[in-house]
Amino acid sequence: MADSSWEDVVDLPDELDGETAQELFDRATEVQDMTGEVCPYPQVEAKKAIQGLESGDLLVQETDHVPSTENVPKAVADQAEANVWKSGDGRYRIFLRKQ
């Protein structure tokens, strides 16, 4: 999709195709590799990163820790819109768009 947008992630996170997820990933302001990390470390790092972003910027966390897919969005709910993309092979991308 050439014209993918944040709405593609927000509206249909479970149906987001790999190409669109990759386009959004490529346009992210910041990417954090949290593979192998467990809570609360990903939450702490997301909060710190969100503080340094401007409104509309996109932070992406990559993780293989399922609880992070719930805990990270909750941790930054007052500062960012969040959604999760599931790769299907045990990896996840948490898209966090600063409000």
N, C-alpha and C. Protein backbone atom coordinates (compact mmCIF):
# COMPACT_ATOMS: atom_id res chain seq x y z
N MET A 1 0.85 -1.19 0.00
CA MET A 1 0.00 0.00 0.00
C MET A 1 0.88 1.24 0.00
N ALA A 2 0.72 2.03 -1.00
CA ALA A 2 1.55 3.23 -1.09
C ALA A 2 1.07 4.31 -0.14
N ASP A 3 -0.20 4.35 0.16
CA ASP A 3 -0.75 5.41 0.99
C ASP A 3 -1.19 4.89 2.35
N SER A 4 -0.41 4.03 2.96
CA SER A 4 -0.79 3.53 4.28
C SER A 4 -0.71 4.65 5.29
N SER A 5 -1.50 4.53 6.32
CA SER A 5 -1.55 5.57 7.33
C SER A 5 -1.75 4.95 8.70
N TRP A 6 -1.71 5.79 9.72
CA TRP A 6 -1.92 5.35 11.09
C TRP A 6 -3.27 4.66 11.23
N GLU A 7 -4.27 5.11 10.49
CA GLU A 7 -5.60 4.52 10.58
C GLU A 7 -5.60 3.05 10.18
N ASP A 8 -4.68 2.64 9.30
CA ASP A 8 -4.59 1.23 8.94
C ASP A 8 -4.27 0.38 10.16
N VAL A 9 -3.45 0.89 11.04
CA VAL A 9 -3.07 0.15 12.26
C VAL A 9 -4.19 0.22 13.28
N VAL A 10 -4.77 1.40 13.47
CA VAL A 10 -5.78 1.60 14.49
C VAL A 10 -7.06 0.84 14.17
N ASP A 11 -7.51 0.91 12.94
CA ASP A 11 -8.79 0.31 12.59
C ASP A 11 -8.74 -1.21 12.46
N LEU A 12 -7.69 -1.74 11.88
CA LEU A 12 -7.64 -3.16 11.60
C LEU A 12 -6.30 -3.78 12.01
N PRO A 13 -5.95 -3.74 13.27
CA PRO A 13 -4.62 -4.23 13.65
C PRO A 13 -4.38 -5.70 13.36
N ASP A 14 -5.38 -6.53 13.53
CA ASP A 14 -5.19 -7.96 13.31
C ASP A 14 -5.19 -8.31 11.83
N GLU A 15 -5.68 -7.42 10.99
CA GLU A 15 -5.76 -7.67 9.56
C GLU A 15 -4.71 -6.88 8.79
N LEU A 16 -3.86 -6.19 9.49
CA LEU A 16 -2.81 -5.39 8.86
C LEU A 16 -1.86 -6.32 8.11
N ASP A 17 -1.69 -6.08 6.82
CA ASP A 17 -0.80 -6.93 6.04
C ASP A 17 0.66 -6.56 6.30
N GLY A 18 1.53 -7.47 6.01
CA GLY A 18 2.95 -7.27 6.27
C GLY A 18 3.53 -6.07 5.55
N GLU A 19 3.08 -5.81 4.34
CA GLU A 19 3.60 -4.67 3.57
C GLU A 19 3.26 -3.35 4.25
N THR A 20 2.04 -3.20 4.70
CA THR A 20 1.62 -1.97 5.37
C THR A 20 2.36 -1.81 6.69
N ALA A 21 2.48 -2.89 7.45
CA ALA A 21 3.21 -2.83 8.72
C ALA A 21 4.66 -2.41 8.47
N GLN A 22 5.25 -2.93 7.41
CA GLN A 22 6.63 -2.57 7.10
C GLN A 22 6.75 -1.10 6.70
N GLU A 23 5.79 -0.60 5.93
CA GLU A 23 5.81 0.82 5.53
C GLU A 23 5.73 1.72 6.76
N LEU A 24 4.84 1.41 7.67
CA LEU A 24 4.73 2.19 8.90
C LEU A 24 6.00 2.07 9.73
N PHE A 25 6.54 0.87 9.81
CA PHE A 25 7.78 0.64 10.54
C PHE A 25 8.91 1.48 9.95
N ASP A 26 8.99 1.52 8.62
CA ASP A 26 10.03 2.30 7.95
C ASP A 26 9.90 3.80 8.19
N ARG A 27 8.69 4.27 8.42
CA ARG A 27 8.46 5.71 8.65
C ARG A 27 8.47 6.09 10.13
N ALA A 28 8.70 5.14 10.99
CA ALA A 28 8.69 5.42 12.43
C ALA A 28 9.77 6.43 12.80
N THR A 29 9.42 7.30 13.72
CA THR A 29 10.38 8.27 14.23
C THR A 29 11.44 7.57 15.05
N GLU A 30 11.03 6.56 15.81
CA GLU A 30 11.96 5.80 16.64
C GLU A 30 11.50 4.35 16.69
N VAL A 31 12.48 3.44 16.70
CA VAL A 31 12.21 2.00 16.80
C VAL A 31 13.00 1.46 17.98
N GLN A 32 12.33 0.68 18.80
CA GLN A 32 12.99 0.04 19.94
C GLN A 32 12.87 -1.47 19.78
N ASP A 33 14.00 -2.15 19.82
CA ASP A 33 14.00 -3.61 19.77
C ASP A 33 13.96 -4.13 21.21
N MET A 34 12.81 -4.61 21.61
CA MET A 34 12.63 -5.13 22.96
C MET A 34 12.55 -6.66 22.95
N THR A 35 13.02 -7.27 21.87
CA THR A 35 13.01 -8.72 21.78
C THR A 35 13.84 -9.30 22.93
N GLY A 36 13.25 -10.23 23.64
CA GLY A 36 13.92 -10.86 24.76
C GLY A 36 13.78 -10.11 26.08
N GLU A 37 13.22 -8.92 26.04
CA GLU A 37 13.03 -8.12 27.25
C GLU A 37 11.65 -8.38 27.83
N VAL A 38 11.54 -8.33 29.15
CA VAL A 38 10.26 -8.55 29.82
C VAL A 38 9.86 -7.30 30.60
N CYS A 39 8.59 -7.23 30.92
CA CYS A 39 8.07 -6.10 31.68
C CYS A 39 8.73 -6.05 33.04
N PRO A 40 9.01 -4.88 33.54
CA PRO A 40 8.52 -3.58 33.10
C PRO A 40 9.47 -2.82 32.18
N TYR A 41 10.61 -3.42 31.78
CA TYR A 41 11.58 -2.70 30.99
C TYR A 41 10.99 -2.08 29.71
N PRO A 42 10.21 -2.81 28.89
CA PRO A 42 9.64 -2.20 27.70
C PRO A 42 8.71 -1.01 28.02
N GLN A 43 7.98 -1.10 29.12
CA GLN A 43 7.11 0.01 29.52
C GLN A 43 7.92 1.25 29.86
N VAL A 44 8.98 1.06 30.62
CA VAL A 44 9.83 2.18 31.03
C VAL A 44 10.46 2.83 29.80
N GLU A 45 10.96 2.02 28.89
CA GLU A 45 11.61 2.56 27.69
C GLU A 45 10.60 3.27 26.78
N ALA A 46 9.39 2.75 26.69
CA ALA A 46 8.36 3.41 25.89
C ALA A 46 8.01 4.77 26.47
N LYS A 47 7.85 4.84 27.78
CA LYS A 47 7.53 6.12 28.42
C LYS A 47 8.62 7.15 28.18
N LYS A 48 9.89 6.74 28.31
CA LYS A 48 10.99 7.67 28.09
C LYS A 48 11.02 8.14 26.64
N ALA A 49 10.82 7.24 25.71
CA ALA A 49 10.86 7.60 24.29
C ALA A 49 9.71 8.52 23.91
N ILE A 50 8.51 8.23 24.41
CA ILE A 50 7.33 9.05 24.09
C ILE A 50 7.55 10.49 24.55
N GLN A 51 8.18 10.68 25.68
CA GLN A 51 8.42 12.03 26.20
C GLN A 51 9.28 12.84 25.24
N GLY A 52 10.16 12.19 24.50
CA GLY A 52 11.05 12.90 23.59
C GLY A 52 10.49 13.11 22.20
N LEU A 53 9.30 12.60 21.94
CA LEU A 53 8.69 12.73 20.63
C LEU A 53 7.76 13.93 20.56
N GLU A 54 7.47 14.35 19.35
CA GLU A 54 6.50 15.42 19.12
C GLU A 54 5.16 14.81 18.74
N SER A 55 4.12 15.58 18.89
CA SER A 55 2.78 15.12 18.55
C SER A 55 2.74 14.57 17.12
N GLY A 56 2.18 13.39 16.97
CA GLY A 56 2.08 12.76 15.66
C GLY A 56 3.22 11.82 15.33
N ASP A 57 4.33 11.91 16.07
CA ASP A 57 5.46 11.02 15.83
C ASP A 57 5.09 9.59 16.20
N LEU A 58 5.75 8.64 15.55
CA LEU A 58 5.44 7.23 15.73
C LEU A 58 6.64 6.49 16.32
N LEU A 59 6.39 5.82 17.44
CA LEU A 59 7.37 4.94 18.08
C LEU A 59 6.90 3.51 17.84
N VAL A 60 7.82 2.65 17.47
CA VAL A 60 7.50 1.24 17.29
C VAL A 60 8.40 0.42 18.19
N GLN A 61 7.77 -0.44 18.96
CA GLN A 61 8.52 -1.41 19.76
C GLN A 61 8.30 -2.78 19.14
N GLU A 62 9.41 -3.49 18.91
CA GLU A 62 9.33 -4.87 18.48
C GLU A 62 9.54 -5.75 19.71
N THR A 63 8.72 -6.77 19.84
CA THR A 63 8.80 -7.62 21.03
C THR A 63 8.38 -9.04 20.72
N ASP A 64 8.81 -9.95 21.58
CA ASP A 64 8.34 -11.33 21.53
C ASP A 64 7.71 -11.71 22.86
N HIS A 65 7.50 -10.70 23.69
CA HIS A 65 6.94 -10.90 25.04
C HIS A 65 5.46 -10.49 25.01
N VAL A 66 4.58 -11.48 24.97
CA VAL A 66 3.15 -11.22 24.81
C VAL A 66 2.59 -10.23 25.83
N PRO A 67 2.93 -10.31 27.13
CA PRO A 67 2.40 -9.34 28.07
C PRO A 67 2.73 -7.88 27.71
N SER A 68 3.84 -7.66 27.02
CA SER A 68 4.18 -6.30 26.61
C SER A 68 3.15 -5.71 25.65
N THR A 69 2.50 -6.58 24.87
CA THR A 69 1.51 -6.09 23.92
C THR A 69 0.30 -5.48 24.61
N GLU A 70 0.10 -5.83 25.86
CA GLU A 70 -0.97 -5.23 26.66
C GLU A 70 -0.43 -4.15 27.60
N ASN A 71 0.70 -4.43 28.22
CA ASN A 71 1.23 -3.53 29.25
C ASN A 71 1.81 -2.23 28.70
N VAL A 72 2.50 -2.29 27.58
CA VAL A 72 3.09 -1.07 27.02
C VAL A 72 2.00 -0.08 26.61
N PRO A 73 1.00 -0.50 25.83
CA PRO A 73 -0.05 0.47 25.49
C PRO A 73 -0.74 1.07 26.72
N LYS A 74 -0.97 0.27 27.75
CA LYS A 74 -1.58 0.79 28.97
C LYS A 74 -0.68 1.80 29.66
N ALA A 75 0.63 1.55 29.63
CA ALA A 75 1.58 2.42 30.32
C ALA A 75 1.66 3.81 29.70
N VAL A 76 1.37 3.91 28.40
CA VAL A 76 1.48 5.21 27.72
C VAL A 76 0.13 5.72 27.23
N ALA A 77 -0.95 5.15 27.74
CA ALA A 77 -2.29 5.49 27.25
C ALA A 77 -2.63 6.97 27.35
N ASP A 78 -2.06 7.66 28.34
CA ASP A 78 -2.35 9.09 28.49
C ASP A 78 -1.51 9.96 27.55
N GLN A 79 -0.53 9.37 26.87
CA GLN A 79 0.35 10.14 26.01
C GLN A 79 0.34 9.69 24.55
N ALA A 80 -0.13 8.50 24.29
CA ALA A 80 -0.05 7.97 22.93
C ALA A 80 -1.22 7.05 22.61
N GLU A 81 -1.58 7.06 21.34
CA GLU A 81 -2.53 6.07 20.82
C GLU A 81 -1.70 4.84 20.51
N ALA A 82 -2.22 3.68 20.84
CA ALA A 82 -1.43 2.47 20.66
C ALA A 82 -2.23 1.39 19.97
N ASN A 83 -1.51 0.53 19.25
CA ASN A 83 -2.09 -0.65 18.68
C ASN A 83 -0.99 -1.66 18.43
N VAL A 84 -1.38 -2.90 18.26
CA VAL A 84 -0.41 -3.98 18.14
C VAL A 84 -0.64 -4.73 16.83
N TRP A 85 0.45 -5.02 16.14
CA TRP A 85 0.42 -5.85 14.94
C TRP A 85 1.09 -7.17 15.26
N LYS A 86 0.43 -8.27 14.93
CA LYS A 86 0.94 -9.61 15.19
C LYS A 86 1.49 -10.19 13.89
N SER A 87 2.74 -10.60 13.93
CA SER A 87 3.38 -11.11 12.71
C SER A 87 2.92 -12.52 12.36
N GLY A 88 2.47 -13.28 13.33
CA GLY A 88 2.07 -14.65 13.08
C GLY A 88 3.18 -15.65 13.41
N ASP A 89 4.37 -15.16 13.72
CA ASP A 89 5.47 -16.07 14.07
C ASP A 89 6.05 -15.77 15.45
N GLY A 90 5.20 -15.23 16.33
CA GLY A 90 5.63 -14.97 17.70
C GLY A 90 6.27 -13.61 17.92
N ARG A 91 6.32 -12.79 16.90
CA ARG A 91 6.84 -11.43 17.04
C ARG A 91 5.67 -10.45 16.94
N TYR A 92 5.84 -9.33 17.61
CA TYR A 92 4.81 -8.31 17.63
C TYR A 92 5.45 -6.95 17.40
N ARG A 93 4.68 -6.03 16.86
CA ARG A 93 5.08 -4.64 16.77
C ARG A 93 4.01 -3.83 17.47
N ILE A 94 4.46 -3.02 18.40
CA ILE A 94 3.58 -2.13 19.14
C ILE A 94 3.77 -0.75 18.54
N PHE A 95 2.75 -0.23 17.88
CA PHE A 95 2.79 1.08 17.27
C PHE A 95 2.23 2.10 18.27
N LEU A 96 3.03 3.10 18.60
CA LEU A 96 2.64 4.12 19.57
C LEU A 96 2.73 5.48 18.90
N ARG A 97 1.62 6.13 18.72
CA ARG A 97 1.59 7.44 18.07
C ARG A 97 1.33 8.49 19.14
N LYS A 98 2.29 9.39 19.31
CA LYS A 98 2.16 10.42 20.34
C LYS A 98 1.01 11.35 19.99
N GLN A 99 0.21 11.65 21.02
CA GLN A 99 -0.95 12.53 20.84
C GLN A 99 -0.52 13.99 20.88
